[in-house]
Amino acid sequence: MISYLSGHLKRKSRDDMKIVVDVNGVGYDVLLPQFVRRTFDDKEIGAPVELEIYYHVAERQPRPTLIGFNREHERTFFERLLHVADIGPMKAAKALVFSVSAVAQAIESGDVQFLTRMPEIGERTAQKMVATLRGKVAEWALLRDEGYTTPVAPEEDLQREALDVLVGLGYKRAEAREEVDQAMKRNPGVRTVEELLREVFKRGRM
């Protein structure tokens, strides 16, 4: 069983939650919950990567799934979520768009409305989360982590796609981010990647 990976970022896609980690020449597909995936936005290909791994294999799906986390406490909270009826590993991975502390605080306070903002978590499942875990996740609720209380907004997806395009055209990621930030300030009303890139190109720096 794999519980930890240390290597280099081989591949990432803006279209899904998976990355590929190269460990001594072997590539591992790793599924990242969204709150973890967003921490990889600024990582360059080849950057060092260390991930805590939840190893999942099911009888009907014998191919193992590796679910990655930046810290051990994120993985242990994920494992605690699996104690809730009707929440399996894949559902939990898709649901975690908020940081661990935000979800734990919602559970401890009984904030069902907040929990239903998580993908695939309806009101009934949110109520089960509170009933099962309230009083048992206080240590995670007190964490000072990223504190994400909103999922990735469409604007962030737009900027991320534009960043990837600029990096592919030869920009360093820091330079590309500066260009995108300035373009968004000049024209905050852009709604497509094409519009955003046109705004960047108006500077004539390509």
N, C-alpha and C. Protein backbone atom coordinates (compact mmCIF):
# COMPACT_ATOMS: atom_id res chain seq x y z
N MET A 1 0.84 -1.20 0.00
CA MET A 1 0.00 0.00 0.00
C MET A 1 0.87 1.25 0.00
N ILE A 2 0.47 2.26 -0.74
CA ILE A 2 1.22 3.50 -0.83
C ILE A 2 0.60 4.53 0.12
N SER A 3 1.41 5.11 1.02
CA SER A 3 0.90 6.11 1.95
C SER A 3 1.57 7.46 1.79
N TYR A 4 2.63 7.52 0.93
CA TYR A 4 3.39 8.76 0.78
C TYR A 4 4.13 8.71 -0.54
N LEU A 5 4.20 9.84 -1.23
CA LEU A 5 4.96 9.95 -2.46
C LEU A 5 5.86 11.17 -2.41
N SER A 6 7.09 11.02 -2.86
CA SER A 6 8.02 12.13 -2.97
C SER A 6 8.69 12.04 -4.34
N GLY A 7 8.52 13.08 -5.13
CA GLY A 7 9.09 13.07 -6.48
C GLY A 7 9.01 14.44 -7.11
N HIS A 8 8.70 14.45 -8.40
CA HIS A 8 8.60 15.70 -9.14
C HIS A 8 7.31 15.72 -9.96
N LEU A 9 6.79 16.91 -10.14
CA LEU A 9 5.55 17.08 -10.91
C LEU A 9 5.85 16.81 -12.38
N LYS A 10 5.24 15.77 -12.91
CA LYS A 10 5.47 15.39 -14.29
C LYS A 10 4.41 15.99 -15.21
N ARG A 11 3.17 16.02 -14.74
CA ARG A 11 2.09 16.47 -15.61
C ARG A 11 0.92 16.95 -14.76
N LYS A 12 0.22 17.98 -15.23
CA LYS A 12 -1.02 18.41 -14.60
C LYS A 12 -1.94 18.92 -15.69
N SER A 13 -3.23 18.80 -15.45
CA SER A 13 -4.21 19.22 -16.44
C SER A 13 -5.14 20.23 -15.81
N ARG A 14 -5.49 21.25 -16.55
CA ARG A 14 -6.43 22.24 -16.03
C ARG A 14 -7.86 21.73 -16.10
N ASP A 15 -8.07 20.59 -16.76
CA ASP A 15 -9.43 20.10 -16.99
C ASP A 15 -9.91 19.10 -15.95
N ASP A 16 -9.01 18.58 -15.10
CA ASP A 16 -9.46 17.62 -14.10
C ASP A 16 -8.63 17.76 -12.83
N MET A 17 -8.85 16.86 -11.91
CA MET A 17 -8.22 16.94 -10.60
C MET A 17 -6.96 16.09 -10.50
N LYS A 18 -6.52 15.50 -11.59
CA LYS A 18 -5.39 14.57 -11.53
C LYS A 18 -4.07 15.25 -11.89
N ILE A 19 -3.02 14.77 -11.26
CA ILE A 19 -1.66 15.12 -11.64
C ILE A 19 -0.88 13.82 -11.79
N VAL A 20 0.30 13.92 -12.39
CA VAL A 20 1.21 12.77 -12.47
C VAL A 20 2.49 13.16 -11.73
N VAL A 21 2.88 12.29 -10.78
CA VAL A 21 4.10 12.51 -10.01
C VAL A 21 5.14 11.49 -10.45
N ASP A 22 6.31 11.99 -10.84
CA ASP A 22 7.42 11.14 -11.25
C ASP A 22 8.25 10.80 -10.02
N VAL A 23 8.27 9.52 -9.67
CA VAL A 23 9.08 9.06 -8.54
C VAL A 23 10.13 8.10 -9.07
N ASN A 24 11.34 8.59 -9.22
CA ASN A 24 12.45 7.76 -9.72
C ASN A 24 12.12 7.10 -11.06
N GLY A 25 11.50 7.88 -11.95
CA GLY A 25 11.21 7.38 -13.28
C GLY A 25 9.89 6.65 -13.43
N VAL A 26 9.13 6.52 -12.35
CA VAL A 26 7.81 5.89 -12.40
C VAL A 26 6.76 6.96 -12.19
N GLY A 27 5.79 7.03 -13.10
CA GLY A 27 4.75 8.05 -13.01
C GLY A 27 3.53 7.53 -12.28
N TYR A 28 3.10 8.25 -11.25
CA TYR A 28 1.92 7.89 -10.48
C TYR A 28 0.80 8.89 -10.74
N ASP A 29 -0.36 8.38 -11.16
CA ASP A 29 -1.55 9.22 -11.27
C ASP A 29 -2.08 9.47 -9.87
N VAL A 30 -2.28 10.73 -9.52
CA VAL A 30 -2.79 11.08 -8.20
C VAL A 30 -3.99 12.01 -8.35
N LEU A 31 -5.08 11.64 -7.72
CA LEU A 31 -6.28 12.47 -7.71
C LEU A 31 -6.19 13.43 -6.54
N LEU A 32 -6.41 14.73 -6.81
CA LEU A 32 -6.33 15.74 -5.76
C LEU A 32 -7.71 16.37 -5.53
N PRO A 33 -8.19 16.39 -4.30
CA PRO A 33 -9.38 17.19 -4.01
C PRO A 33 -9.12 18.63 -4.44
N GLN A 34 -10.18 19.36 -4.75
CA GLN A 34 -10.00 20.70 -5.32
C GLN A 34 -9.21 21.63 -4.41
N PHE A 35 -9.41 21.53 -3.09
CA PHE A 35 -8.69 22.45 -2.21
C PHE A 35 -7.19 22.16 -2.22
N VAL A 36 -6.80 20.92 -2.57
CA VAL A 36 -5.39 20.59 -2.73
C VAL A 36 -4.93 20.97 -4.13
N ARG A 37 -5.75 20.69 -5.13
CA ARG A 37 -5.37 20.97 -6.52
C ARG A 37 -5.06 22.44 -6.75
N ARG A 38 -5.80 23.32 -6.07
CA ARG A 38 -5.56 24.75 -6.30
C ARG A 38 -4.19 25.19 -5.80
N THR A 39 -3.57 24.44 -4.88
CA THR A 39 -2.23 24.78 -4.42
C THR A 39 -1.17 24.43 -5.45
N PHE A 40 -1.58 23.70 -6.50
CA PHE A 40 -0.64 23.32 -7.56
C PHE A 40 -0.70 24.27 -8.75
N ASP A 41 -1.54 25.28 -8.71
CA ASP A 41 -1.69 26.19 -9.84
C ASP A 41 -0.37 26.85 -10.21
N ASP A 42 0.42 27.21 -9.21
CA ASP A 42 1.66 27.93 -9.47
C ASP A 42 2.89 27.03 -9.54
N LYS A 43 2.68 25.73 -9.41
CA LYS A 43 3.83 24.81 -9.48
C LYS A 43 4.23 24.57 -10.94
N GLU A 44 5.49 24.70 -11.20
CA GLU A 44 6.01 24.43 -12.53
C GLU A 44 6.20 22.92 -12.72
N ILE A 45 6.11 22.48 -13.96
CA ILE A 45 6.45 21.08 -14.26
C ILE A 45 7.91 20.85 -13.87
N GLY A 46 8.14 19.76 -13.16
CA GLY A 46 9.48 19.47 -12.66
C GLY A 46 9.70 19.89 -11.22
N ALA A 47 8.73 20.62 -10.65
CA ALA A 47 8.86 21.06 -9.26
C ALA A 47 8.79 19.86 -8.32
N PRO A 48 9.51 19.92 -7.20
CA PRO A 48 9.43 18.82 -6.23
C PRO A 48 8.04 18.71 -5.63
N VAL A 49 7.60 17.50 -5.38
CA VAL A 49 6.27 17.24 -4.85
C VAL A 49 6.36 16.21 -3.73
N GLU A 50 5.71 16.50 -2.63
CA GLU A 50 5.57 15.54 -1.54
C GLU A 50 4.10 15.46 -1.17
N LEU A 51 3.54 14.27 -1.20
CA LEU A 51 2.11 14.10 -0.96
C LEU A 51 1.84 12.96 0.02
N GLU A 52 0.94 13.22 0.95
CA GLU A 52 0.36 12.17 1.77
C GLU A 52 -0.70 11.48 0.91
N ILE A 53 -0.76 10.18 0.94
CA ILE A 53 -1.62 9.43 0.02
C ILE A 53 -2.66 8.59 0.77
N TYR A 54 -3.89 8.70 0.29
CA TYR A 54 -4.93 7.73 0.70
C TYR A 54 -5.05 6.74 -0.44
N TYR A 55 -4.80 5.49 -0.15
CA TYR A 55 -4.78 4.43 -1.16
C TYR A 55 -6.14 3.74 -1.17
N HIS A 56 -6.80 3.79 -2.32
CA HIS A 56 -8.15 3.23 -2.41
C HIS A 56 -8.22 2.20 -3.53
N VAL A 57 -8.72 1.02 -3.19
CA VAL A 57 -8.97 -0.01 -4.18
C VAL A 57 -10.29 -0.67 -3.82
N ALA A 58 -11.15 -0.84 -4.82
CA ALA A 58 -12.48 -1.42 -4.59
C ALA A 58 -12.60 -2.75 -5.33
N GLU A 59 -13.49 -3.58 -4.85
CA GLU A 59 -13.67 -4.90 -5.47
C GLU A 59 -14.10 -4.78 -6.92
N ARG A 60 -14.96 -3.81 -7.20
CA ARG A 60 -15.45 -3.62 -8.57
C ARG A 60 -14.49 -2.78 -9.41
N GLN A 61 -13.52 -2.17 -8.76
CA GLN A 61 -12.54 -1.36 -9.47
C GLN A 61 -11.15 -1.71 -8.93
N PRO A 62 -10.58 -2.82 -9.42
CA PRO A 62 -9.33 -3.32 -8.86
C PRO A 62 -8.13 -2.40 -9.09
N ARG A 63 -8.24 -1.47 -10.05
CA ARG A 63 -7.13 -0.54 -10.27
C ARG A 63 -7.09 0.47 -9.12
N PRO A 64 -5.99 0.55 -8.38
CA PRO A 64 -5.92 1.45 -7.23
C PRO A 64 -6.08 2.92 -7.63
N THR A 65 -6.68 3.69 -6.75
CA THR A 65 -6.77 5.14 -6.89
C THR A 65 -5.97 5.77 -5.77
N LEU A 66 -5.07 6.67 -6.12
CA LEU A 66 -4.27 7.39 -5.14
C LEU A 66 -4.86 8.79 -4.99
N ILE A 67 -5.25 9.14 -3.77
CA ILE A 67 -5.81 10.46 -3.49
C ILE A 67 -4.79 11.21 -2.65
N GLY A 68 -4.37 12.38 -3.13
CA GLY A 68 -3.23 13.07 -2.52
C GLY A 68 -3.60 14.28 -1.69
N PHE A 69 -2.76 14.53 -0.67
CA PHE A 69 -2.93 15.66 0.23
C PHE A 69 -1.56 16.26 0.55
N ASN A 70 -1.55 17.55 0.83
CA ASN A 70 -0.28 18.20 1.14
C ASN A 70 0.21 17.89 2.55
N ARG A 71 -0.73 17.63 3.46
CA ARG A 71 -0.36 17.44 4.87
C ARG A 71 -1.05 16.21 5.44
N GLU A 72 -0.46 15.65 6.47
CA GLU A 72 -1.02 14.45 7.08
C GLU A 72 -2.39 14.72 7.68
N HIS A 73 -2.57 15.91 8.31
CA HIS A 73 -3.87 16.17 8.95
C HIS A 73 -4.99 16.28 7.92
N GLU A 74 -4.66 16.64 6.67
CA GLU A 74 -5.69 16.67 5.63
C GLU A 74 -6.14 15.25 5.30
N ARG A 75 -5.17 14.34 5.22
CA ARG A 75 -5.52 12.95 4.94
C ARG A 75 -6.31 12.32 6.08
N THR A 76 -5.93 12.61 7.31
CA THR A 76 -6.65 12.02 8.45
C THR A 76 -8.07 12.57 8.54
N PHE A 77 -8.26 13.84 8.18
CA PHE A 77 -9.63 14.38 8.17
C PHE A 77 -10.45 13.70 7.08
N PHE A 78 -9.83 13.50 5.93
CA PHE A 78 -10.50 12.78 4.83
C PHE A 78 -10.94 11.40 5.30
N GLU A 79 -10.06 10.71 5.99
CA GLU A 79 -10.40 9.38 6.51
C GLU A 79 -11.55 9.45 7.51
N ARG A 80 -11.61 10.52 8.30
CA ARG A 80 -12.71 10.68 9.24
C ARG A 80 -14.03 10.89 8.51
N LEU A 81 -13.99 11.61 7.39
CA LEU A 81 -15.20 11.81 6.60
C LEU A 81 -15.80 10.49 6.12
N LEU A 82 -14.94 9.51 5.90
CA LEU A 82 -15.41 8.22 5.38
C LEU A 82 -16.21 7.44 6.41
N HIS A 83 -16.24 7.92 7.65
CA HIS A 83 -17.07 7.28 8.67
C HIS A 83 -18.55 7.61 8.47
N VAL A 84 -18.84 8.62 7.65
CA VAL A 84 -20.22 9.03 7.41
C VAL A 84 -20.86 8.10 6.38
N ALA A 85 -22.05 7.61 6.69
CA ALA A 85 -22.75 6.72 5.77
C ALA A 85 -22.97 7.43 4.43
N ASP A 86 -22.81 6.68 3.36
CA ASP A 86 -23.03 7.17 1.99
C ASP A 86 -21.89 8.04 1.47
N ILE A 87 -20.82 8.21 2.22
CA ILE A 87 -19.67 8.96 1.71
C ILE A 87 -18.50 8.00 1.55
N GLY A 88 -18.18 7.71 0.29
CA GLY A 88 -17.03 6.88 -0.03
C GLY A 88 -15.85 7.75 -0.43
N PRO A 89 -14.70 7.14 -0.72
CA PRO A 89 -13.49 7.90 -1.06
C PRO A 89 -13.66 8.83 -2.26
N MET A 90 -14.28 8.36 -3.34
CA MET A 90 -14.39 9.20 -4.52
C MET A 90 -15.35 10.36 -4.27
N LYS A 91 -16.44 10.09 -3.58
CA LYS A 91 -17.39 11.16 -3.27
C LYS A 91 -16.76 12.19 -2.35
N ALA A 92 -16.01 11.74 -1.37
CA ALA A 92 -15.34 12.66 -0.45
C ALA A 92 -14.31 13.51 -1.18
N ALA A 93 -13.55 12.90 -2.10
CA ALA A 93 -12.54 13.65 -2.84
C ALA A 93 -13.18 14.74 -3.69
N LYS A 94 -14.30 14.44 -4.32
CA LYS A 94 -14.98 15.44 -5.14
C LYS A 94 -15.62 16.52 -4.29
N ALA A 95 -16.04 16.15 -3.08
CA ALA A 95 -16.75 17.10 -2.22
C ALA A 95 -15.83 18.14 -1.59
N LEU A 96 -14.56 17.80 -1.38
CA LEU A 96 -13.68 18.68 -0.64
C LEU A 96 -13.16 19.84 -1.48
N VAL A 97 -14.03 20.79 -1.73
CA VAL A 97 -13.64 22.01 -2.43
C VAL A 97 -13.22 23.10 -1.46
N PHE A 98 -13.56 22.92 -0.19
CA PHE A 98 -13.17 23.86 0.86
C PHE A 98 -12.03 23.27 1.67
N SER A 99 -11.31 24.11 2.39
CA SER A 99 -10.21 23.61 3.21
C SER A 99 -10.74 22.82 4.39
N VAL A 100 -9.87 22.03 4.97
CA VAL A 100 -10.24 21.14 6.07
C VAL A 100 -10.85 21.92 7.23
N SER A 101 -10.23 23.03 7.60
CA SER A 101 -10.73 23.79 8.76
C SER A 101 -12.14 24.31 8.51
N ALA A 102 -12.42 24.75 7.28
CA ALA A 102 -13.74 25.30 6.97
C ALA A 102 -14.82 24.22 7.09
N VAL A 103 -14.53 23.02 6.57
CA VAL A 103 -15.51 21.93 6.64
C VAL A 103 -15.70 21.48 8.08
N ALA A 104 -14.60 21.36 8.82
CA ALA A 104 -14.69 20.93 10.21
C ALA A 104 -15.46 21.94 11.05
N GLN A 105 -15.24 23.22 10.82
CA GLN A 105 -15.97 24.25 11.55
C GLN A 105 -17.46 24.17 11.26
N ALA A 106 -17.82 23.91 9.99
CA ALA A 106 -19.23 23.78 9.63
C ALA A 106 -19.86 22.58 10.33
N ILE A 107 -19.13 21.49 10.41
CA ILE A 107 -19.65 20.30 11.10
C ILE A 107 -19.85 20.59 12.58
N GLU A 108 -18.85 21.18 13.21
CA GLU A 108 -18.93 21.45 14.64
C GLU A 108 -20.05 22.44 14.98
N SER A 109 -20.32 23.38 14.09
CA SER A 109 -21.37 24.37 14.34
C SER A 109 -22.73 23.93 13.82
N GLY A 110 -22.78 22.76 13.16
CA GLY A 110 -24.04 22.26 12.62
C GLY A 110 -24.54 23.06 11.42
N ASP A 111 -23.62 23.66 10.68
CA ASP A 111 -23.99 24.50 9.54
C ASP A 111 -24.27 23.63 8.31
N VAL A 112 -25.46 23.08 8.26
CA VAL A 112 -25.85 22.20 7.16
C VAL A 112 -25.86 22.95 5.83
N GLN A 113 -26.28 24.20 5.85
CA GLN A 113 -26.35 24.99 4.62
C GLN A 113 -24.98 25.11 3.97
N PHE A 114 -23.96 25.35 4.77
CA PHE A 114 -22.60 25.43 4.24
C PHE A 114 -22.18 24.09 3.64
N LEU A 115 -22.46 23.02 4.35
CA LEU A 115 -22.04 21.70 3.89
C LEU A 115 -22.70 21.30 2.58
N THR A 116 -23.92 21.77 2.34
CA THR A 116 -24.61 21.43 1.09
C THR A 116 -24.01 22.17 -0.10
N ARG A 117 -23.13 23.12 0.14
CA ARG A 117 -22.43 23.79 -0.96
C ARG A 117 -21.32 22.91 -1.53
N MET A 118 -21.01 21.84 -0.83
CA MET A 118 -19.99 20.91 -1.32
C MET A 118 -20.60 20.03 -2.40
N PRO A 119 -19.89 19.81 -3.51
CA PRO A 119 -20.42 18.96 -4.59
C PRO A 119 -20.82 17.59 -4.08
N GLU A 120 -21.98 17.11 -4.55
CA GLU A 120 -22.50 15.78 -4.25
C GLU A 120 -22.96 15.62 -2.80
N ILE A 121 -23.00 16.70 -2.04
CA ILE A 121 -23.48 16.63 -0.66
C ILE A 121 -24.84 17.32 -0.59
N GLY A 122 -25.88 16.51 -0.51
CA GLY A 122 -27.22 17.05 -0.35
C GLY A 122 -27.52 17.30 1.12
N GLU A 123 -28.73 17.80 1.38
CA GLU A 123 -29.08 18.14 2.76
C GLU A 123 -29.07 16.92 3.68
N ARG A 124 -29.57 15.80 3.18
CA ARG A 124 -29.61 14.61 4.01
C ARG A 124 -28.21 14.13 4.38
N THR A 125 -27.30 14.14 3.40
CA THR A 125 -25.93 13.72 3.68
C THR A 125 -25.24 14.71 4.62
N ALA A 126 -25.52 16.01 4.42
CA ALA A 126 -24.94 17.03 5.31
C ALA A 126 -25.40 16.81 6.75
N GLN A 127 -26.65 16.48 6.91
CA GLN A 127 -27.17 16.20 8.26
C GLN A 127 -26.49 14.98 8.86
N LYS A 128 -26.21 13.96 8.03
CA LYS A 128 -25.49 12.78 8.51
C LYS A 128 -24.07 13.15 8.93
N MET A 129 -23.45 14.05 8.19
CA MET A 129 -22.10 14.49 8.54
C MET A 129 -22.09 15.12 9.93
N VAL A 130 -23.06 15.99 10.18
CA VAL A 130 -23.14 16.63 11.49
C VAL A 130 -23.43 15.61 12.58
N ALA A 131 -24.40 14.74 12.32
CA ALA A 131 -24.79 13.75 13.33
C ALA A 131 -23.66 12.78 13.66
N THR A 132 -22.87 12.42 12.65
CA THR A 132 -21.81 11.43 12.84
C THR A 132 -20.53 12.04 13.42
N LEU A 133 -20.19 13.26 12.99
CA LEU A 133 -18.87 13.80 13.30
C LEU A 133 -18.84 14.97 14.27
N ARG A 134 -19.98 15.54 14.57
CA ARG A 134 -19.98 16.69 15.49
C ARG A 134 -19.39 16.28 16.83
N GLY A 135 -18.45 17.10 17.30
CA GLY A 135 -17.76 16.78 18.54
C GLY A 135 -16.53 15.93 18.34
N LYS A 136 -16.29 15.47 17.10
CA LYS A 136 -15.17 14.58 16.82
C LYS A 136 -14.15 15.20 15.87
N VAL A 137 -14.41 16.43 15.39
CA VAL A 137 -13.48 17.06 14.44
C VAL A 137 -13.02 18.43 14.92
N ALA A 138 -13.12 18.66 16.22
CA ALA A 138 -12.75 19.97 16.77
C ALA A 138 -11.28 20.30 16.50
N GLU A 139 -10.40 19.30 16.56
CA GLU A 139 -8.98 19.57 16.34
C GLU A 139 -8.71 20.10 14.94
N TRP A 140 -9.49 19.65 13.96
CA TRP A 140 -9.33 20.16 12.60
C TRP A 140 -9.99 21.54 12.45
N ALA A 141 -11.07 21.77 13.17
CA ALA A 141 -11.74 23.07 13.10
C ALA A 141 -10.85 24.20 13.61
N LEU A 142 -9.91 23.88 14.48
CA LEU A 142 -9.03 24.89 15.07
C LEU A 142 -7.76 25.14 14.24
N LEU A 143 -7.61 24.41 13.15
CA LEU A 143 -6.41 24.55 12.33
C LEU A 143 -6.33 25.94 11.69
N ARG A 144 -5.11 26.39 11.51
CA ARG A 144 -4.88 27.61 10.72
C ARG A 144 -4.33 27.18 9.37
N ASP A 145 -5.20 26.69 8.52
CA ASP A 145 -4.77 26.26 7.19
C ASP A 145 -5.18 27.32 6.18
N GLU A 146 -5.38 26.92 4.93
CA GLU A 146 -5.67 27.89 3.89
C GLU A 146 -6.98 28.63 4.13
N GLY A 147 -7.91 28.00 4.85
CA GLY A 147 -9.17 28.68 5.17
C GLY A 147 -10.10 28.89 4.01
N TYR A 148 -9.98 28.09 2.94
CA TYR A 148 -10.84 28.27 1.78
C TYR A 148 -12.30 28.04 2.17
N THR A 149 -13.13 29.04 1.96
CA THR A 149 -14.56 28.92 2.23
C THR A 149 -15.38 29.04 0.95
N THR A 150 -14.70 29.17 -0.16
CA THR A 150 -15.40 29.20 -1.45
C THR A 150 -14.66 28.27 -2.40
N PRO A 151 -15.38 27.57 -3.26
CA PRO A 151 -14.72 26.76 -4.29
C PRO A 151 -14.07 27.66 -5.32
N VAL A 152 -13.29 27.09 -6.20
CA VAL A 152 -12.67 27.87 -7.26
C VAL A 152 -13.75 28.54 -8.09
N ALA A 153 -13.67 29.85 -8.18
CA ALA A 153 -14.67 30.60 -8.93
C ALA A 153 -14.41 30.50 -10.42
N PRO A 154 -15.43 30.72 -11.27
CA PRO A 154 -15.21 30.69 -12.72
C PRO A 154 -14.10 31.65 -13.15
N GLU A 155 -13.98 32.81 -12.46
CA GLU A 155 -12.93 33.76 -12.82
C GLU A 155 -11.56 33.16 -12.60
N GLU A 156 -11.43 32.36 -11.53
CA GLU A 156 -10.14 31.73 -11.25
C GLU A 156 -9.82 30.67 -12.29
N ASP A 157 -10.83 29.91 -12.73
CA ASP A 157 -10.63 28.93 -13.79
C ASP A 157 -10.17 29.63 -15.06
N LEU A 158 -10.78 30.76 -15.36
CA LEU A 158 -10.44 31.53 -16.55
C LEU A 158 -8.99 31.99 -16.49
N GLN A 159 -8.59 32.54 -15.37
CA GLN A 159 -7.22 33.01 -15.23
C GLN A 159 -6.22 31.86 -15.27
N ARG A 160 -6.59 30.72 -14.69
CA ARG A 160 -5.69 29.57 -14.69
C ARG A 160 -5.46 29.06 -16.11
N GLU A 161 -6.52 29.02 -16.91
CA GLU A 161 -6.36 28.56 -18.30
C GLU A 161 -5.48 29.52 -19.08
N ALA A 162 -5.69 30.83 -18.87
CA ALA A 162 -4.86 31.82 -19.56
C ALA A 162 -3.40 31.71 -19.14
N LEU A 163 -3.17 31.45 -17.85
CA LEU A 163 -1.80 31.26 -17.36
C LEU A 163 -1.13 30.09 -18.06
N ASP A 164 -1.85 28.99 -18.18
CA ASP A 164 -1.28 27.80 -18.82
C ASP A 164 -0.92 28.07 -20.28
N VAL A 165 -1.78 28.84 -20.96
CA VAL A 165 -1.50 29.18 -22.36
C VAL A 165 -0.23 30.02 -22.45
N LEU A 166 -0.10 31.03 -21.59
CA LEU A 166 1.06 31.91 -21.63
C LEU A 166 2.34 31.17 -21.29
N VAL A 167 2.26 30.28 -20.31
CA VAL A 167 3.45 29.48 -19.96
C VAL A 167 3.84 28.60 -21.15
N GLY A 168 2.84 28.06 -21.84
CA GLY A 168 3.13 27.25 -23.02
C GLY A 168 3.76 28.05 -24.14
N LEU A 169 3.52 29.37 -24.14
CA LEU A 169 4.09 30.25 -25.16
C LEU A 169 5.46 30.80 -24.77
N GLY A 170 5.94 30.41 -23.59
CA GLY A 170 7.29 30.81 -23.22
C GLY A 170 7.41 31.73 -22.02
N TYR A 171 6.32 32.20 -21.48
CA TYR A 171 6.38 33.02 -20.28
C TYR A 171 6.79 32.18 -19.08
N LYS A 172 7.53 32.79 -18.16
CA LYS A 172 7.69 32.20 -16.84
C LYS A 172 6.36 32.41 -16.11
N ARG A 173 6.03 31.47 -15.21
CA ARG A 173 4.71 31.53 -14.59
C ARG A 173 4.50 32.83 -13.81
N ALA A 174 5.52 33.31 -13.13
CA ALA A 174 5.37 34.56 -12.37
C ALA A 174 5.07 35.73 -13.30
N GLU A 175 5.76 35.76 -14.46
CA GLU A 175 5.51 36.82 -15.45
C GLU A 175 4.11 36.69 -16.03
N ALA A 176 3.70 35.45 -16.30
CA ALA A 176 2.37 35.23 -16.87
C ALA A 176 1.29 35.68 -15.89
N ARG A 177 1.49 35.37 -14.61
CA ARG A 177 0.50 35.78 -13.61
C ARG A 177 0.39 37.29 -13.53
N GLU A 178 1.53 37.98 -13.61
CA GLU A 178 1.51 39.45 -13.58
C GLU A 178 0.75 40.00 -14.78
N GLU A 179 0.98 39.42 -15.96
CA GLU A 179 0.28 39.87 -17.16
C GLU A 179 -1.23 39.65 -17.02
N VAL A 180 -1.62 38.48 -16.52
CA VAL A 180 -3.04 38.18 -16.37
C VAL A 180 -3.68 39.10 -15.34
N ASP A 181 -3.00 39.32 -14.23
CA ASP A 181 -3.53 40.21 -13.19
C ASP A 181 -3.75 41.62 -13.74
N GLN A 182 -2.78 42.11 -14.49
CA GLN A 182 -2.90 43.45 -15.05
C GLN A 182 -4.03 43.52 -16.08
N ALA A 183 -4.15 42.45 -16.88
CA ALA A 183 -5.23 42.41 -17.89
C ALA A 183 -6.59 42.41 -17.22
N MET A 184 -6.73 41.67 -16.11
CA MET A 184 -8.00 41.63 -15.39
C MET A 184 -8.33 42.98 -14.78
N LYS A 185 -7.32 43.70 -14.34
CA LYS A 185 -7.55 45.04 -13.78
C LYS A 185 -8.01 46.00 -14.87
N ARG A 186 -7.39 45.89 -16.05
CA ARG A 186 -7.77 46.78 -17.15
C ARG A 186 -9.16 46.48 -17.66
N ASN A 187 -9.51 45.20 -17.68
CA ASN A 187 -10.80 44.81 -18.23
C ASN A 187 -11.41 43.69 -17.39
N PRO A 188 -11.99 44.03 -16.23
CA PRO A 188 -12.54 43.00 -15.35
C PRO A 188 -13.78 42.29 -15.90
N GLY A 189 -14.27 42.77 -17.03
CA GLY A 189 -15.48 42.18 -17.59
C GLY A 189 -15.24 41.03 -18.55
N VAL A 190 -13.97 40.61 -18.74
CA VAL A 190 -13.71 39.52 -19.68
C VAL A 190 -14.37 38.24 -19.19
N ARG A 191 -14.88 37.44 -20.13
CA ARG A 191 -15.61 36.23 -19.76
C ARG A 191 -15.06 34.96 -20.42
N THR A 192 -14.11 35.11 -21.35
CA THR A 192 -13.55 33.94 -22.00
C THR A 192 -12.03 34.03 -21.99
N VAL A 193 -11.39 32.88 -22.17
CA VAL A 193 -9.93 32.85 -22.23
C VAL A 193 -9.43 33.68 -23.40
N GLU A 194 -10.14 33.60 -24.53
CA GLU A 194 -9.72 34.34 -25.72
C GLU A 194 -9.73 35.85 -25.45
N GLU A 195 -10.78 36.34 -24.79
CA GLU A 195 -10.86 37.77 -24.47
C GLU A 195 -9.73 38.19 -23.54
N LEU A 196 -9.46 37.32 -22.55
CA LEU A 196 -8.40 37.64 -21.59
C LEU A 196 -7.04 37.68 -22.27
N LEU A 197 -6.77 36.72 -23.16
CA LEU A 197 -5.49 36.70 -23.87
C LEU A 197 -5.35 37.90 -24.80
N ARG A 198 -6.45 38.30 -25.45
CA ARG A 198 -6.39 39.49 -26.30
C ARG A 198 -6.02 40.72 -25.48
N GLU A 199 -6.55 40.77 -24.27
CA GLU A 199 -6.24 41.90 -23.39
C GLU A 199 -4.76 41.88 -23.00
N VAL A 200 -4.23 40.69 -22.77
CA VAL A 200 -2.80 40.56 -22.46
C VAL A 200 -1.96 41.01 -23.65
N PHE A 201 -2.35 40.56 -24.85
CA PHE A 201 -1.55 40.84 -26.04
C PHE A 201 -1.58 42.31 -26.43
N LYS A 202 -2.54 43.05 -25.94
CA LYS A 202 -2.59 44.49 -26.22
C LYS A 202 -1.34 45.20 -25.71
N ARG A 203 -0.70 44.60 -24.71
CA ARG A 203 0.52 45.20 -24.17
C ARG A 203 1.68 45.07 -25.15
N GLY A 204 1.53 44.16 -26.12
CA GLY A 204 2.56 44.01 -27.14
C GLY A 204 3.85 43.40 -26.65
N ARG A 205 3.74 42.55 -25.61
CA ARG A 205 4.97 41.97 -25.05
C ARG A 205 5.24 40.58 -25.54
N MET A 206 4.37 40.02 -26.36
CA MET A 206 4.62 38.67 -26.89
C MET A 206 5.61 38.75 -28.05
